[in-house]
């Protein structure tokens, strides 16, 4: 499982849950899906936020 996070435009230290990737596939499949989604969101972002993936379920 991989989790996609983003920051807030007003707080670069905030961790906001965007999506979880837990397909019944290999870890590399879920990691790649998360990475591609993060890349897509970065390209579409109108706000100054950062997107990143972490292995595991959502953590505050």
Protein backbone atom coordinates (compact mmCIF):
# COMPACT_ATOMS: atom_id res chain seq x y z
CA UNK A 1 0.00 0.00 0.00
CA UNK A 2 1.11 3.55 -0.80
CA UNK A 3 -0.48 6.84 0.22
CA UNK A 4 -0.45 10.09 -1.73
CA UNK A 5 -0.20 13.28 0.32
CA UNK A 6 -0.08 17.00 -0.35
CA UNK A 7 0.73 20.12 1.61
CA UNK A 8 -1.58 23.05 2.18
CA UNK A 9 -1.04 26.34 0.32
CA UNK A 10 -0.84 28.03 3.72
CA UNK A 11 1.22 25.38 5.56
CA UNK A 12 4.06 23.51 3.86
CA UNK A 13 4.30 21.13 6.84
CA UNK A 14 0.68 19.95 6.66
CA UNK A 15 0.06 16.36 5.47
CA UNK A 16 -3.26 16.10 3.64
CA UNK A 17 -4.42 12.64 2.47
CA UNK A 18 -5.20 12.64 -1.25
CA UNK A 19 -5.45 8.94 -2.15
CA UNK A 20 -4.44 5.43 -1.15
CA UNK A 21 -3.13 2.81 -3.57
CA UNK A 22 -3.75 -0.75 -2.43
CA UNK A 23 -4.53 -2.76 -5.56
CA UNK A 24 -4.23 -6.54 -5.33
CA UNK A 25 -0.94 -6.30 -7.24
CA UNK A 26 2.75 -5.99 -6.38
CA UNK A 27 4.10 -3.20 -4.19
CA UNK A 28 5.90 -1.74 -7.21
CA UNK A 29 2.56 -1.53 -9.07
CA UNK A 30 0.98 0.49 -6.24
CA UNK A 31 4.10 2.64 -5.87
CA UNK A 32 4.14 3.43 -9.59
CA UNK A 33 0.41 4.25 -9.56
CA UNK A 34 0.95 6.64 -6.66
CA UNK A 35 3.95 8.25 -8.35
CA UNK A 36 2.02 8.76 -11.59
CA UNK A 37 -0.93 10.28 -9.73
CA UNK A 38 1.41 12.65 -7.84
CA UNK A 39 3.00 13.70 -11.11
CA UNK A 40 -0.42 14.31 -12.66
CA UNK A 41 -1.59 16.42 -9.70
CA UNK A 42 1.65 18.44 -9.75
CA UNK A 43 1.08 19.33 -13.41
CA UNK A 44 -2.55 20.31 -12.77
CA UNK A 45 -1.97 22.24 -9.55
CA UNK A 46 -2.99 25.89 -9.61
CA UNK A 47 -1.86 26.31 -6.00
CA UNK A 48 1.62 26.15 -4.60
CA UNK A 49 1.42 22.72 -2.94
CA UNK A 50 3.75 19.71 -2.86
CA UNK A 51 2.63 16.13 -3.65
CA UNK A 52 4.47 13.00 -2.53
CA UNK A 53 3.98 9.27 -1.90
CA UNK A 54 4.82 7.23 1.16
CA UNK A 55 4.73 3.50 1.70
CA UNK A 56 1.98 2.35 4.07
CA UNK A 57 -1.44 3.58 5.15
CA UNK A 58 -2.32 7.21 5.93
CA UNK A 59 -0.40 8.71 8.87
CA UNK A 60 -0.98 12.14 10.36
